[in-house]
Amino acid sequence: ITGRLGTIHRVMTPAAATRASFERFVRGLLQPSLAAIGFEARPSDDTDTRERRATLIATLGESGNDADVRRQARAALDRALAGGAALDPTAAGAIIGVAAAGGDAALWAALEQA
């Protein structure tokens, strides 16, 4: 389903009003699932939970244009790049992608040095 949501977001919502409405729909659909499992991985998470979290982060951050998910992704990436807690390997691609989508020159410079 999330792949199709991404396609609809990219291809079928060119108008700003339509896109904003669709993004609200995606957030309403998926935010409760991410809230239930949390943004941060836990040691007790099984593989399915880790994969679901990565999918939810990517879909909410991209197709849902979720400001909170984008903020959390950027904060997690900034911490990891500064030598703090490493990103969960399963969600790393999603976190980097979401953070980079709204990235600035400072983030790109940090990524180049990593």
Protein backbone atom coordinates (compact mmCIF):
# COMPACT_ATOMS: atom_id res chain seq x y z
CA ILE A 1 0.00 0.00 0.00
CA THR A 2 2.74 2.47 0.90
CA GLY A 3 4.34 2.14 -2.52
CA ARG A 4 1.06 3.02 -4.16
CA LEU A 5 0.65 5.99 -1.83
CA GLY A 6 4.04 7.24 -3.01
CA THR A 7 3.02 6.87 -6.65
CA ILE A 8 -0.22 8.74 -6.09
CA HIS A 9 1.68 11.49 -4.27
CA ARG A 10 4.24 11.89 -7.07
CA VAL A 11 2.05 11.40 -10.12
CA MET A 12 -1.57 12.12 -9.36
CA THR A 13 -1.48 15.16 -7.06
CA PRO A 14 0.17 17.93 -9.07
CA ALA A 15 -2.06 20.73 -7.72
CA ALA A 16 -1.00 22.15 -4.35
CA ALA A 17 -4.49 21.88 -2.83
CA THR A 18 -4.90 18.28 -3.98
CA ARG A 19 -1.43 17.40 -2.77
CA ALA A 20 -2.01 18.95 0.66
CA SER A 21 -5.29 17.07 1.03
CA PHE A 22 -3.65 13.80 0.04
CA GLU A 23 -0.77 14.38 2.48
CA ARG A 24 -3.31 14.92 5.29
CA PHE A 25 -4.97 11.64 4.29
CA VAL A 26 -1.63 9.80 4.45
CA ARG A 27 -0.83 11.28 7.86
CA GLY A 28 -4.25 10.36 9.19
CA LEU A 29 -3.88 6.84 7.89
CA LEU A 30 -0.34 6.12 9.09
CA GLN A 31 0.48 8.35 12.08
CA PRO A 32 -1.36 6.08 14.54
CA SER A 33 0.73 3.10 13.42
CA LEU A 34 4.03 4.95 13.91
CA ALA A 35 2.82 6.31 17.25
CA ALA A 36 2.06 2.76 18.37
CA ILE A 37 5.56 1.43 17.64
CA GLY A 38 7.51 4.66 18.11
CA PHE A 39 10.10 6.40 15.97
CA GLU A 40 13.07 4.98 17.86
CA ALA A 41 13.95 1.29 17.66
CA ARG A 42 13.87 -0.74 20.86
CA PRO A 43 16.01 -3.79 21.65
CA SER A 44 12.85 -5.88 21.94
CA ASP A 45 11.69 -5.06 18.39
CA ASP A 46 11.42 -7.97 16.02
CA THR A 47 12.37 -7.73 12.34
CA ASP A 48 8.81 -7.06 11.22
CA THR A 49 8.47 -4.12 13.63
CA ARG A 50 11.77 -2.64 12.47
CA GLU A 51 10.77 -2.97 8.82
CA ARG A 52 7.31 -1.52 9.48
CA ARG A 53 8.90 1.45 11.28
CA ALA A 54 11.22 2.12 8.33
CA THR A 55 8.31 1.98 5.89
CA LEU A 56 6.18 4.27 8.03
CA ILE A 57 9.00 6.81 8.45
CA ALA A 58 9.65 6.89 4.70
CA THR A 59 5.99 7.12 3.73
CA LEU A 60 5.01 9.69 6.35
CA GLY A 61 8.10 11.79 5.70
CA GLU A 62 7.72 11.75 1.92
CA SER A 63 4.11 11.10 0.85
CA GLY A 64 2.65 12.48 4.08
CA ASN A 65 4.97 15.49 4.30
CA ASP A 66 4.82 14.92 8.07
CA ALA A 67 6.73 17.74 9.77
CA ASP A 68 7.20 15.79 13.00
CA VAL A 69 8.64 12.75 11.23
CA ARG A 70 10.93 15.01 9.20
CA ARG A 71 12.08 16.74 12.39
CA GLN A 72 12.74 13.44 14.15
CA ALA A 73 14.60 12.07 11.13
CA ARG A 74 16.81 15.14 10.93
CA ALA A 75 17.51 15.05 14.67
CA ALA A 76 18.40 11.33 14.57
CA LEU A 77 20.68 11.84 11.57
CA ASP A 78 22.36 14.88 13.12
CA ARG A 79 23.03 12.88 16.32
CA ALA A 80 24.49 9.97 14.37
CA LEU A 81 26.70 12.26 12.26
CA ALA A 82 27.93 13.99 15.43
CA GLY A 83 29.09 10.66 16.86
CA GLY A 84 26.01 9.94 18.95
CA ALA A 85 23.70 6.97 18.74
CA ALA A 86 23.93 5.12 15.45
CA LEU A 87 20.84 4.86 13.30
CA ASP A 88 18.95 1.59 13.42
CA PRO A 89 20.25 -0.26 10.33
CA THR A 90 16.77 -1.21 9.19
CA ALA A 91 15.48 2.38 9.29
CA ALA A 92 18.71 4.15 8.32
CA GLY A 93 17.83 4.48 4.64
CA ALA A 94 14.39 5.88 5.44
CA ILE A 95 15.76 8.30 8.03
CA ILE A 96 18.52 9.56 5.76
CA GLY A 97 16.13 9.90 2.81
CA VAL A 98 13.55 11.85 4.78
CA ALA A 99 16.16 14.09 6.41
CA ALA A 100 17.94 14.70 3.11
CA ALA A 101 14.69 15.62 1.34
CA GLY A 102 14.47 18.67 3.58
CA GLY A 103 18.19 19.03 4.03
CA ASP A 104 20.27 22.17 3.90
CA ALA A 105 23.87 22.94 3.04
CA ALA A 106 25.04 22.01 6.55
CA LEU A 107 23.50 18.54 6.28
CA TRP A 108 24.99 17.92 2.86
CA ALA A 109 28.42 18.98 4.12
CA ALA A 110 28.12 16.64 7.11
CA LEU A 111 27.03 13.77 4.85
CA GLU A 112 29.98 14.37 2.53
CA GLN A 113 32.38 14.16 5.49
CA ALA A 114 30.79 11.00 6.92
